Amino acid sequence: MSVEPRSSDSALIWARSLTKRFGDFVAVDAIDFDVAKGESFGFLGPNGAGKTSTMRMIGCVSPVSDGALEVLGQDPRRDGPSIRARIGVVPQQDTLDTELTVRENLVIYGRYFGMSRAECRRRADELLEFTQLTDRANDQVEPLSGGMKRRLTIGRALINEPDLLLLDEPTTGLDPQARHLLWDRLYRLKQRGVTLVLTTHYMDEAEQLCDRLVVMDKAKIVAEGSPRELIERYSTKEVTELRFPAGVQEALDGQLDGIAERVERLADRVLLYADDGEAASVAVHERGLRPETVLVRRSSLEDVFLRLTGRSLIE
């Protein structure tokens, strides 16, 4: 396959027609993207969209089937060990050593990168403070909460001061408080100039953390831009959510036509996309309709995903 030559040397990751196959199954279908130094870049999509397969190719643990990929200016086919030495990886599932203490998980991992014991201890102290785990340094890993284990996994991924940090669904399974604390730690890394690449199926996470993102669906990229750009391009300023009594929604038969730019019918509610959500709500009542609840909100990435794929993101 012919691939266009690189036009920019500033990208830490550069992919053209990047493809991953498992036998006859195409997990990633000829996608193009760039990630710039210092950027927080996201892959947003449902389970099975191809996000993790893409991340594994970037992390040099899964070979590229076709197309071109450069990471940190190097070719994963040829320079995998060199690339892996300069990146940090936070996998979907924590792979901590539960027989070691919190501090030992950091120190021993640093030794894999050829760091001296003194350097490992220094970095471990810094990272324990950064991840707010200093008071748990000598505790065993097993009793830690899920949020603490995720923070420790991120700390471990930073032990070698990587140029690039890959995070595969970093907050899946965490409670809201733990998620927000993790978001704060990642935002601080971004402020320090660390380049972040993450996958997520949480829209609010993508809006919070990503400067720019791609929406993946069925192995392809279906949209690209900043969260705000995607919302402006594919949605309206506001959305009015209507919930009707049982049986009413199914019998509306065009009664909402013309009220909004677009009407989206979900199983439990109707969404009206309009720049003025309150005006849309008033128009609904003027037509004699009486929804049980009315919520006017700003558009979100979930609305973008509904527009692009016609289904909810989290399945």
C-alpha atoms as a PDB file:
ATOM      1  CA  MET A   1       0.000   0.000   0.000  1.00  0.00           C
ATOM      2  CA  SER A   2       1.351   3.443  -0.894  1.00  0.00           C
ATOM      3  CA  VAL A   3       1.378   5.898   2.008  1.00  0.00           C
ATOM      4  CA  GLU A   4       1.831   9.647   1.798  1.00  0.00           C
ATOM      5  CA  PRO A   5       5.215  10.899   3.027  1.00  0.00           C
ATOM      6  CA  ARG A   6       5.457  12.554   6.398  1.00  0.00           C
ATOM      7  CA  SER A   7       4.701  16.258   6.178  1.00  0.00           C
ATOM      8  CA  SER A   8       5.502  17.177   9.794  1.00  0.00           C
ATOM      9  CA  ASP A   9       8.408  16.286  12.039  1.00  0.00           C
ATOM     10  CA  SER A  10       6.677  17.725  15.126  1.00  0.00           C
ATOM     11  CA  ALA A  11       4.261  14.822  15.669  1.00  0.00           C
ATOM     12  CA  LEU A  12       5.199  12.326  18.380  1.00  0.00           C
ATOM     13  CA  ILE A  13       2.843   9.823  16.744  1.00  0.00           C
ATOM     14  CA  TRP A  14       2.141   9.752  13.013  1.00  0.00           C
ATOM     15  CA  ALA A  15      -0.162   7.195  11.410  1.00  0.00           C
ATOM     16  CA  ARG A  16      -1.394   6.803   7.835  1.00  0.00           C
ATOM     17  CA  SER A  17      -3.706   4.010   6.671  1.00  0.00           C
ATOM     18  CA  LEU A  18      -2.899   2.223   9.926  1.00  0.00           C
ATOM     19  CA  THR A  19      -4.493  -1.228   9.854  1.00  0.00           C
ATOM     20  CA  LYS A  20      -4.718  -4.154  12.242  1.00  0.00           C
ATOM     21  CA  ARG A  21      -6.095  -7.549  11.223  1.00  0.00           C
ATOM     22  CA  PHE A  22      -6.642 -10.726  13.180  1.00  0.00           C
ATOM     23  CA  GLY A  23      -7.100 -13.308  10.452  1.00  0.00           C
ATOM     24  CA  ASP A  24     -10.059 -12.128   8.383  1.00  0.00           C
ATOM     25  CA  PHE A  25     -11.239  -9.732  11.079  1.00  0.00           C
ATOM     26  CA  VAL A  26     -10.258  -6.080  10.617  1.00  0.00           C
ATOM     27  CA  ALA A  27      -9.904  -4.455  14.053  1.00  0.00           C
ATOM     28  CA  VAL A  28      -8.467  -1.153  12.792  1.00  0.00           C
ATOM     29  CA  ASP A  29      -9.337  -0.122   9.242  1.00  0.00           C
ATOM     30  CA  ALA A  30      -6.849   2.248   7.541  1.00  0.00           C
ATOM     31  CA  ILE A  31      -6.987   5.169   9.992  1.00  0.00           C
ATOM     32  CA  ASP A  32      -4.971   8.421   9.836  1.00  0.00           C
ATOM     33  CA  PHE A  33      -4.033  10.581  12.829  1.00  0.00           C
ATOM     34  CA  ASP A  34      -1.244  12.657  14.373  1.00  0.00           C
ATOM     35  CA  VAL A  35      -0.419  13.427  18.005  1.00  0.00           C
ATOM     36  CA  ALA A  36       1.655  16.530  18.727  1.00  0.00           C
ATOM     37  CA  LYS A  37       4.156  16.978  21.559  1.00  0.00           C
ATOM     38  CA  GLY A  38       2.459  18.115  24.759  1.00  0.00           C
ATOM     39  CA  GLU A  39      -1.011  17.268  23.486  1.00  0.00           C
ATOM     40  CA  SER A  40      -3.699  15.269  25.256  1.00  0.00           C
ATOM     41  CA  PHE A  41      -5.209  13.125  22.512  1.00  0.00           C
ATOM     42  CA  GLY A  42      -8.121  10.735  22.858  1.00  0.00           C
ATOM     43  CA  PHE A  43      -9.702   7.769  21.110  1.00  0.00           C
ATOM     44  CA  LEU A  44     -13.415   7.813  21.944  1.00  0.00           C
ATOM     45  CA  GLY A  45     -15.702   4.960  21.016  1.00  0.00           C
ATOM     46  CA  PRO A  46     -17.706   1.943  22.155  1.00  0.00           C
ATOM     47  CA  ASN A  47     -16.199  -1.402  23.117  1.00  0.00           C
ATOM     48  CA  GLY A  48     -14.943  -3.159  19.995  1.00  0.00           C
ATOM     49  CA  ALA A  49     -14.386   0.056  18.018  1.00  0.00           C
ATOM     50  CA  GLY A  50     -10.637  -0.589  17.619  1.00  0.00           C
ATOM     51  CA  LYS A  51      -9.296   1.725  20.328  1.00  0.00           C
ATOM     52  CA  THR A  52      -7.254  -0.815  22.279  1.00  0.00           C
ATOM     53  CA  SER A  53      -5.884  -2.441  19.120  1.00  0.00           C
ATOM     54  CA  THR A  54      -4.644   0.991  18.022  1.00  0.00           C
ATOM     55  CA  MET A  55      -3.040   1.622  21.411  1.00  0.00           C
ATOM     56  CA  ARG A  56      -1.278  -1.746  21.354  1.00  0.00           C
ATOM     57  CA  MET A  57       0.279  -0.893  17.980  1.00  0.00           C
ATOM     58  CA  ILE A  58       1.425   2.492  19.321  1.00  0.00           C
ATOM     59  CA  GLY A  59       2.864   0.748  22.392  1.00  0.00           C
ATOM     60  CA  CYS A  60       4.821  -1.682  20.195  1.00  0.00           C
ATOM     61  CA  VAL A  61       3.242  -4.798  21.679  1.00  0.00           C
ATOM     62  CA  SER A  62       1.127  -5.670  18.615  1.00  0.00           C
ATOM     63  CA  PRO A  63       2.569  -5.586  15.079  1.00  0.00           C
ATOM     64  CA  VAL A  64       1.114  -3.305  12.419  1.00  0.00           C
ATOM     65  CA  SER A  65      -0.706  -5.285   9.708  1.00  0.00           C
ATOM     66  CA  ASP A  66      -0.604  -2.542   7.080  1.00  0.00           C
ATOM     67  CA  GLY A  67      -0.039   1.176   6.644  1.00  0.00           C
ATOM     68  CA  ALA A  68       2.563   3.400   8.284  1.00  0.00           C
ATOM     69  CA  LEU A  69       3.168   4.244  11.938  1.00  0.00           C
ATOM     70  CA  GLU A  70       5.917   6.292  13.572  1.00  0.00           C
ATOM     71  CA  VAL A  71       6.206   6.751  17.328  1.00  0.00           C
ATOM     72  CA  LEU A  72       8.740   9.238  18.711  1.00  0.00           C
ATOM     73  CA  GLY A  73      10.211   9.440  15.207  1.00  0.00           C
ATOM     74  CA  GLN A  74      10.865   5.697  15.050  1.00  0.00           C
ATOM     75  CA  ASP A  75       9.307   2.693  13.339  1.00  0.00           C
ATOM     76  CA  PRO A  76       7.708   0.189  15.747  1.00  0.00           C
ATOM     77  CA  ARG A  77       8.542  -2.666  13.348  1.00  0.00           C
ATOM     78  CA  ARG A  78      12.246  -1.966  13.720  1.00  0.00           C
ATOM     79  CA  ASP A  79      12.654   0.096  16.894  1.00  0.00           C
ATOM     80  CA  GLY A  80      10.172  -1.463  19.329  1.00  0.00           C
ATOM     81  CA  PRO A  81      12.561  -1.815  22.310  1.00  0.00           C
ATOM     82  CA  SER A  82      13.851   1.747  21.877  1.00  0.00           C
ATOM     83  CA  ILE A  83      10.299   3.147  21.730  1.00  0.00           C
ATOM     84  CA  ARG A  84       9.107   1.115  24.730  1.00  0.00           C
ATOM     85  CA  ALA A  85      11.990   2.521  26.802  1.00  0.00           C
ATOM     86  CA  ARG A  86      10.649   6.058  26.237  1.00  0.00           C
ATOM     87  CA  ILE A  87       6.927   5.529  26.851  1.00  0.00           C
ATOM     88  CA  GLY A  88       4.744   4.791  29.851  1.00  0.00           C
ATOM     89  CA  VAL A  89       1.758   2.467  29.564  1.00  0.00           C
ATOM     90  CA  VAL A  90      -1.340   2.265  31.771  1.00  0.00           C
ATOM     91  CA  PRO A  91      -3.241  -0.853  30.613  1.00  0.00           C
ATOM     92  CA  GLN A  92      -6.977  -1.443  31.056  1.00  0.00           C
ATOM     93  CA  GLN A  93      -6.346  -3.901  33.869  1.00  0.00           C
ATOM     94  CA  ASP A  94      -3.927  -3.167  36.703  1.00  0.00           C
ATOM     95  CA  THR A  95      -0.906  -5.483  36.593  1.00  0.00           C
ATOM     96  CA  LEU A  96       0.599  -4.565  39.946  1.00  0.00           C
ATOM     97  CA  ASP A  97       2.568  -7.081  41.994  1.00  0.00           C
ATOM     98  CA  THR A  98       0.265  -7.715  44.942  1.00  0.00           C
ATOM     99  CA  GLU A  99       3.009  -9.422  46.963  1.00  0.00           C
ATOM    100  CA  LEU A 100       5.059  -6.204  47.080  1.00  0.00           C
ATOM    101  CA  THR A 101       4.439  -2.938  48.890  1.00  0.00           C
ATOM    102  CA  VAL A 102       3.342   0.216  47.111  1.00  0.00           C
ATOM    103  CA  ARG A 103       6.881   1.637  47.140  1.00  0.00           C
ATOM    104  CA  GLU A 104       8.451  -1.666  46.036  1.00  0.00           C
ATOM    105  CA  ASN A 105       6.147  -1.742  42.985  1.00  0.00           C
ATOM    106  CA  LEU A 106       7.661   1.563  41.867  1.00  0.00           C
ATOM    107  CA  VAL A 107      11.300   0.863  42.758  1.00  0.00           C
ATOM    108  CA  ILE A 108      11.483  -2.600  41.189  1.00  0.00           C
ATOM    109  CA  TYR A 109       9.720  -1.416  38.012  1.00  0.00           C
ATOM    110  CA  GLY A 110      12.295   1.340  37.648  1.00  0.00           C
ATOM    111  CA  ARG A 111      15.066  -1.245  37.652  1.00  0.00           C
ATOM    112  CA  TYR A 112      13.623  -2.708  34.437  1.00  0.00           C
ATOM    113  CA  PHE A 113      14.662   0.545  32.731  1.00  0.00           C
ATOM    114  CA  GLY A 114      18.249   0.289  33.937  1.00  0.00           C
ATOM    115  CA  MET A 115      17.853   2.997  36.579  1.00  0.00           C
ATOM    116  CA  SER A 116      20.112   2.893  39.629  1.00  0.00           C
ATOM    117  CA  ARG A 117      18.626   1.948  42.982  1.00  0.00           C
ATOM    118  CA  ALA A 118      19.174   5.481  44.252  1.00  0.00           C
ATOM    119  CA  GLU A 119      17.415   6.966  41.224  1.00  0.00           C
ATOM    120  CA  CYS A 120      14.533   4.510  41.588  1.00  0.00           C
ATOM    121  CA  ARG A 121      14.074   5.476  45.241  1.00  0.00           C
ATOM    122  CA  ARG A 122      14.175   9.188  44.398  1.00  0.00           C
ATOM    123  CA  ARG A 123      11.612   8.815  41.620  1.00  0.00           C
ATOM    124  CA  ALA A 124       9.444   6.576  43.793  1.00  0.00           C
ATOM    125  CA  ASP A 125       9.276   9.278  46.483  1.00  0.00           C
ATOM    126  CA  GLU A 126       8.341  11.906  43.890  1.00  0.00           C
ATOM    127  CA  LEU A 127       5.644   9.712  42.392  1.00  0.00           C
ATOM    128  CA  LEU A 128       4.196   8.648  45.727  1.00  0.00           C
ATOM    129  CA  GLU A 129       3.685  12.325  46.496  1.00  0.00           C
ATOM    130  CA  PHE A 130       2.276  13.053  43.034  1.00  0.00           C
ATOM    131  CA  THR A 131      -0.226  10.192  43.226  1.00  0.00           C
ATOM    132  CA  GLN A 132      -1.111  11.028  46.863  1.00  0.00           C
ATOM    133  CA  LEU A 133       0.043   7.627  48.102  1.00  0.00           C
ATOM    134  CA  THR A 134       2.919   8.645  50.401  1.00  0.00           C
ATOM    135  CA  ASP A 135       1.046   7.531  53.520  1.00  0.00           C
ATOM    136  CA  ARG A 136       0.448   4.104  51.929  1.00  0.00           C
ATOM    137  CA  ALA A 137       4.045   3.606  50.726  1.00  0.00           C
ATOM    138  CA  ASN A 138       4.737   0.598  52.965  1.00  0.00           C
ATOM    139  CA  ASP A 139       1.313  -1.013  52.616  1.00  0.00           C
ATOM    140  CA  GLN A 140       0.630  -4.111  50.583  1.00  0.00           C
ATOM    141  CA  VAL A 141      -1.105  -3.499  47.248  1.00  0.00           C
ATOM    142  CA  GLU A 142      -3.971  -5.962  47.617  1.00  0.00           C
ATOM    143  CA  PRO A 143      -6.011  -4.036  50.241  1.00  0.00           C
ATOM    144  CA  LEU A 144      -5.834  -0.750  48.294  1.00  0.00           C
ATOM    145  CA  SER A 145      -9.005   0.678  46.779  1.00  0.00           C
ATOM    146  CA  GLY A 146      -9.519   0.569  43.027  1.00  0.00           C
ATOM    147  CA  GLY A 147      -8.732   4.265  42.742  1.00  0.00           C
ATOM    148  CA  MET A 148      -5.475   3.895  44.674  1.00  0.00           C
ATOM    149  CA  LYS A 149      -4.414   0.971  42.497  1.00  0.00           C
ATOM    150  CA  ARG A 150      -5.084   3.038  39.359  1.00  0.00           C
ATOM    151  CA  ARG A 151      -3.028   5.928  40.744  1.00  0.00           C
ATOM    152  CA  LEU A 152      -0.204   3.536  41.583  1.00  0.00           C
ATOM    153  CA  THR A 153      -0.358   2.068  38.070  1.00  0.00           C
ATOM    154  CA  ILE A 154      -0.051   5.572  36.621  1.00  0.00           C
ATOM    155  CA  GLY A 155       2.824   6.343  38.982  1.00  0.00           C
ATOM    156  CA  ARG A 156       4.592   3.174  37.898  1.00  0.00           C
ATOM    157  CA  ALA A 157       4.141   4.140  34.232  1.00  0.00           C
ATOM    158  CA  LEU A 158       5.885   7.463  34.971  1.00  0.00           C
ATOM    159  CA  ILE A 159       8.940   5.966  36.712  1.00  0.00           C
ATOM    160  CA  ASN A 160      11.147   6.315  33.607  1.00  0.00           C
ATOM    161  CA  GLU A 161      10.024   9.929  32.955  1.00  0.00           C
ATOM    162  CA  PRO A 162       8.462   8.952  29.625  1.00  0.00           C
ATOM    163  CA  ASP A 163       8.069  11.257  26.630  1.00  0.00           C
ATOM    164  CA  LEU A 164       4.651   9.724  25.985  1.00  0.00           C
ATOM    165  CA  LEU A 165       2.033   8.239  28.331  1.00  0.00           C
ATOM    166  CA  LEU A 166      -0.539   5.764  26.938  1.00  0.00           C
ATOM    167  CA  LEU A 167      -3.675   5.217  29.029  1.00  0.00           C
ATOM    168  CA  ASP A 168      -6.197   2.574  28.005  1.00  0.00           C
ATOM    169  CA  GLU A 169      -9.576   3.370  29.635  1.00  0.00           C
ATOM    170  CA  PRO A 170      -7.867   4.721  32.768  1.00  0.00           C
ATOM    171  CA  THR A 171     -10.969   5.210  34.964  1.00  0.00           C
ATOM    172  CA  THR A 172     -13.207   2.281  33.999  1.00  0.00           C
ATOM    173  CA  GLY A 173     -14.835   0.803  37.081  1.00  0.00           C
ATOM    174  CA  LEU A 174     -13.943   3.658  39.437  1.00  0.00           C
ATOM    175  CA  ASP A 175     -16.436   5.586  41.546  1.00  0.00           C
ATOM    176  CA  PRO A 176     -16.988   9.296  40.721  1.00  0.00           C
ATOM    177  CA  GLN A 177     -14.696  10.576  43.485  1.00  0.00           C
ATOM    178  CA  ALA A 178     -11.808   8.340  42.382  1.00  0.00           C
ATOM    179  CA  ARG A 179     -12.361   9.300  38.732  1.00  0.00           C
ATOM    180  CA  HIS A 180     -12.155  13.014  39.503  1.00  0.00           C
ATOM    181  CA  LEU A 181      -8.984  12.578  41.550  1.00  0.00           C
ATOM    182  CA  LEU A 182      -7.414  10.646  38.672  1.00  0.00           C
ATOM    183  CA  TRP A 183      -8.498  13.352  36.215  1.00  0.00           C
ATOM    184  CA  ASP A 184      -6.750  15.920  38.423  1.00  0.00           C
ATOM    185  CA  ARG A 185      -3.502  13.927  38.380  1.00  0.00           C
ATOM    186  CA  LEU A 186      -3.651  13.568  34.582  1.00  0.00           C
ATOM    187  CA  TYR A 187      -4.398  17.270  34.145  1.00  0.00           C
ATOM    188  CA  ARG A 188      -1.319  18.082  36.225  1.00  0.00           C
ATOM    189  CA  LEU A 189       0.788  15.839  33.983  1.00  0.00           C
ATOM    190  CA  LYS A 190      -0.564  17.683  30.953  1.00  0.00           C
ATOM    191  CA  GLN A 191       0.397  20.999  32.556  1.00  0.00           C
ATOM    192  CA  ARG A 192       3.940  19.656  32.960  1.00  0.00           C
ATOM    193  CA  GLY A 193       4.134  19.006  29.209  1.00  0.00           C
ATOM    194  CA  VAL A 194       3.661  15.224  29.247  1.00  0.00           C
ATOM    195  CA  THR A 195       2.005  14.002  26.046  1.00  0.00           C
ATOM    196  CA  LEU A 196      -1.067  11.913  26.872  1.00  0.00           C
ATOM    197  CA  VAL A 197      -2.875   9.459  24.605  1.00  0.00           C
ATOM    198  CA  LEU A 198      -5.941   7.818  26.099  1.00  0.00           C
ATOM    199  CA  THR A 199      -8.863   5.661  25.127  1.00  0.00           C
ATOM    200  CA  THR A 200     -12.219   6.041  26.808  1.00  0.00           C
ATOM    201  CA  HIS A 201     -15.885   5.292  26.365  1.00  0.00           C
ATOM    202  CA  TYR A 202     -16.839   8.036  28.831  1.00  0.00           C
ATOM    203  CA  MET A 203     -17.871  11.236  27.069  1.00  0.00           C
ATOM    204  CA  ASP A 204     -17.302  13.427  30.132  1.00  0.00           C
ATOM    205  CA  GLU A 205     -13.781  12.043  30.469  1.00  0.00           C
ATOM    206  CA  ALA A 206     -12.970  12.938  26.871  1.00  0.00           C
ATOM    207  CA  GLU A 207     -14.341  16.457  27.358  1.00  0.00           C
ATOM    208  CA  GLN A 208     -12.350  16.905  30.577  1.00  0.00           C
ATOM    209  CA  LEU A 209      -8.984  15.569  29.414  1.00  0.00           C
ATOM    210  CA  CYS A 210      -8.629  15.790  25.628  1.00  0.00           C
ATOM    211  CA  ASP A 211      -7.337  18.738  23.623  1.00  0.00           C
ATOM    212  CA  ARG A 212      -8.276  16.790  20.530  1.00  0.00           C
ATOM    213  CA  LEU A 213      -9.841  13.414  19.862  1.00  0.00           C
ATOM    214  CA  VAL A 214     -11.073  11.029  17.236  1.00  0.00           C
ATOM    215  CA  VAL A 215     -14.360   9.165  17.420  1.00  0.00           C
ATOM    216  CA  MET A 216     -13.951   5.526  16.377  1.00  0.00           C
ATOM    217  CA  ASP A 217     -16.757   3.193  15.361  1.00  0.00           C
ATOM    218  CA  LYS A 218     -16.486  -0.208  13.707  1.00  0.00           C
ATOM    219  CA  ALA A 219     -12.699   0.035  13.222  1.00  0.00           C
ATOM    220  CA  LYS A 220     -12.819   3.431  11.478  1.00  0.00           C
ATOM    221  CA  ILE A 221     -12.416   7.074  12.486  1.00  0.00           C
ATOM    222  CA  VAL A 222     -15.753   8.792  11.914  1.00  0.00           C
ATOM    223  CA  ALA A 223     -14.896  12.268  13.263  1.00  0.00           C
ATOM    224  CA  GLU A 224     -11.906  14.268  14.509  1.00  0.00           C
ATOM    225  CA  GLY A 225     -11.441  17.566  16.342  1.00  0.00           C
ATOM    226  CA  SER A 226     -11.481  19.187  19.761  1.00  0.00           C
ATOM    227  CA  PRO A 227     -14.491  18.375  21.948  1.00  0.00           C
ATOM    228  CA  ARG A 228     -15.914  21.841  21.315  1.00  0.00           C
ATOM    229  CA  GLU A 229     -15.306  21.641  17.554  1.00  0.00           C
ATOM    230  CA  LEU A 230     -17.069  18.282  17.333  1.00  0.00           C
ATOM    231  CA  ILE A 231     -20.073  19.560  19.288  1.00  0.00           C
ATOM    232  CA  GLU A 232     -20.305  22.682  17.108  1.00  0.00           C
ATOM    233  CA  ARG A 233     -19.970  20.633  13.926  1.00  0.00           C
ATOM    234  CA  TYR A 234     -22.388  17.809  14.680  1.00  0.00           C
ATOM    235  CA  SER A 235     -24.841  19.197  17.208  1.00  0.00           C
ATOM    236  CA  THR A 236     -26.646  22.377  18.297  1.00  0.00           C
ATOM    237  CA  LYS A 237     -25.967  24.725  21.198  1.00  0.00           C
ATOM    238  CA  GLU A 238     -28.620  23.131  23.381  1.00  0.00           C
ATOM    239  CA  VAL A 239     -30.657  19.960  23.739  1.00  0.00           C
ATOM    240  CA  THR A 240     -34.127  19.667  25.262  1.00  0.00           C
ATOM    241  CA  GLU A 241     -34.848  16.248  26.795  1.00  0.00           C
ATOM    242  CA  LEU A 242     -38.503  15.252  27.046  1.00  0.00           C
ATOM    243  CA  ARG A 243     -39.880  12.278  28.952  1.00  0.00           C
ATOM    244  CA  PHE A 244     -43.504  11.329  28.302  1.00  0.00           C
ATOM    245  CA  PRO A 245     -45.918   9.034  30.165  1.00  0.00           C
ATOM    246  CA  ALA A 246     -45.968   5.404  29.075  1.00  0.00           C
ATOM    247  CA  GLY A 247     -47.452   4.977  25.609  1.00  0.00           C
ATOM    248  CA  VAL A 248     -47.423   8.676  24.691  1.00  0.00           C
ATOM    249  CA  GLN A 249     -43.986   8.775  23.046  1.00  0.00           C
ATOM    250  CA  GLU A 250     -44.891   5.963  20.655  1.00  0.00           C
ATOM    251  CA  ALA A 251     -48.015   7.885  19.539  1.00  0.00           C
ATOM    252  CA  LEU A 252     -46.469  11.292  18.859  1.00  0.00           C
ATOM    253  CA  ASP A 253     -46.656  10.749  15.060  1.00  0.00           C
ATOM    254  CA  GLY A 254     -44.918  13.890  13.861  1.00  0.00           C
ATOM    255  CA  GLN A 255     -46.306  16.246  16.521  1.00  0.00           C
ATOM    256  CA  LEU A 256     -42.752  17.497  17.234  1.00  0.00           C
ATOM    257  CA  ASP A 257     -41.885  18.176  13.588  1.00  0.00           C
ATOM    258  CA  GLY A 258     -40.452  21.637  12.932  1.00  0.00           C
ATOM    259  CA  ILE A 259     -39.800  22.479  16.588  1.00  0.00           C
ATOM    260  CA  ALA A 260     -36.061  21.712  16.437  1.00  0.00           C
ATOM    261  CA  GLU A 261     -33.318  21.244  13.890  1.00  0.00           C
ATOM    262  CA  ARG A 262     -33.377  17.525  14.658  1.00  0.00           C
ATOM    263  CA  VAL A 263     -35.453  15.150  16.766  1.00  0.00           C
ATOM    264  CA  GLU A 264     -33.814  12.047  18.267  1.00  0.00           C
ATOM    265  CA  ARG A 265     -36.022   9.314  19.712  1.00  0.00           C
ATOM    266  CA  LEU A 266     -34.432   7.118  22.365  1.00  0.00           C
ATOM    267  CA  ALA A 267     -36.105   4.287  24.236  1.00  0.00           C
ATOM    268  CA  ASP A 268     -36.868   6.395  27.313  1.00  0.00           C
ATOM    269  CA  ARG A 269     -36.905   9.995  26.054  1.00  0.00           C
ATOM    270  CA  VAL A 270     -37.029  12.343  23.075  1.00  0.00           C
ATOM    271  CA  LEU A 271     -34.179  14.777  22.351  1.00  0.00           C
ATOM    272  CA  LEU A 272     -34.813  18.091  20.587  1.00  0.00           C
ATOM    273  CA  TYR A 273     -31.706  19.667  19.104  1.00  0.00           C
ATOM    274  CA  ALA A 274     -32.011  23.464  18.882  1.00  0.00           C
ATOM    275  CA  ASP A 275     -29.882  26.520  19.600  1.00  0.00           C
ATOM    276  CA  ASP A 276     -32.577  27.761  22.003  1.00  0.00           C
ATOM    277  CA  GLY A 277     -33.711  24.883  24.189  1.00  0.00           C
ATOM    278  CA  GLU A 278     -36.184  26.932  26.218  1.00  0.00           C
ATOM    279  CA  ALA A 279     -37.946  28.092  23.051  1.00  0.00           C
ATOM    280  CA  ALA A 280     -38.219  24.457  21.937  1.00  0.00           C
ATOM    281  CA  SER A 281     -39.743  23.563  25.308  1.00  0.00           C
ATOM    282  CA  VAL A 282     -42.308  26.359  25.012  1.00  0.00           C
ATOM    283  CA  ALA A 283     -43.199  25.223  21.488  1.00  0.00           C
ATOM    284  CA  VAL A 284     -43.841  21.686  22.756  1.00  0.00           C
ATOM    285  CA  HIS A 285     -46.371  22.958  25.321  1.00  0.00           C
ATOM    286  CA  GLU A 286     -47.986  25.287  22.777  1.00  0.00           C
ATOM    287  CA  ARG A 287     -48.827  22.198  20.715  1.00  0.00           C
ATOM    288  CA  GLY A 288     -50.724  20.752  23.661  1.00  0.00           C
ATOM    289  CA  LEU A 289     -48.121  18.153  24.565  1.00  0.00           C
ATOM    290  CA  ARG A 290     -47.451  17.558  28.264  1.00  0.00           C
ATOM    291  CA  PRO A 291     -44.178  15.755  28.939  1.00  0.00           C
ATOM    292  CA  GLU A 292     -43.622  14.459  32.477  1.00  0.00           C
ATOM    293  CA  THR A 293     -40.173  16.083  32.650  1.00  0.00           C
ATOM    294  CA  VAL A 294     -38.308  18.665  30.582  1.00  0.00           C
ATOM    295  CA  LEU A 295     -34.540  19.200  30.813  1.00  0.00           C
ATOM    296  CA  VAL A 296     -32.686  21.863  28.822  1.00  0.00           C
ATOM    297  CA  ARG A 297     -28.905  21.343  28.701  1.00  0.00           C
ATOM    298  CA  ARG A 298     -25.895  22.179  26.578  1.00  0.00           C
ATOM    299  CA  SER A 299     -24.873  19.746  23.875  1.00  0.00           C
ATOM    300  CA  SER A 300     -22.263  17.114  24.745  1.00  0.00           C
ATOM    301  CA  LEU A 301     -20.092  14.541  23.039  1.00  0.00           C
ATOM    302  CA  GLU A 302     -22.822  11.979  23.653  1.00  0.00           C
ATOM    303  CA  ASP A 303     -25.036  13.960  21.275  1.00  0.00           C
ATOM    304  CA  VAL A 304     -22.226  13.919  18.714  1.00  0.00           C
ATOM    305  CA  PHE A 305     -21.996  10.157  19.010  1.00  0.00           C
ATOM    306  CA  LEU A 306     -25.740   9.718  18.618  1.00  0.00           C
ATOM    307  CA  ARG A 307     -25.585  11.842  15.484  1.00  0.00           C
ATOM    308  CA  LEU A 308     -22.678   9.888  14.011  1.00  0.00           C
ATOM    309  CA  THR A 309     -23.709   6.336  14.870  1.00  0.00           C
ATOM    310  CA  GLY A 310     -27.366   6.474  15.848  1.00  0.00           C
ATOM    311  CA  ARG A 311     -26.788   4.652  19.140  1.00  0.00           C
ATOM    312  CA  SER A 312     -25.580   5.280  22.648  1.00  0.00           C
ATOM    313  CA  LEU A 313     -21.841   5.161  23.277  1.00  0.00           C
ATOM    314  CA  ILE A 314     -21.810   2.980  26.405  1.00  0.00           C
ATOM    315  CA  GLU A 315     -23.274  -0.428  25.597  1.00  0.00           C
END
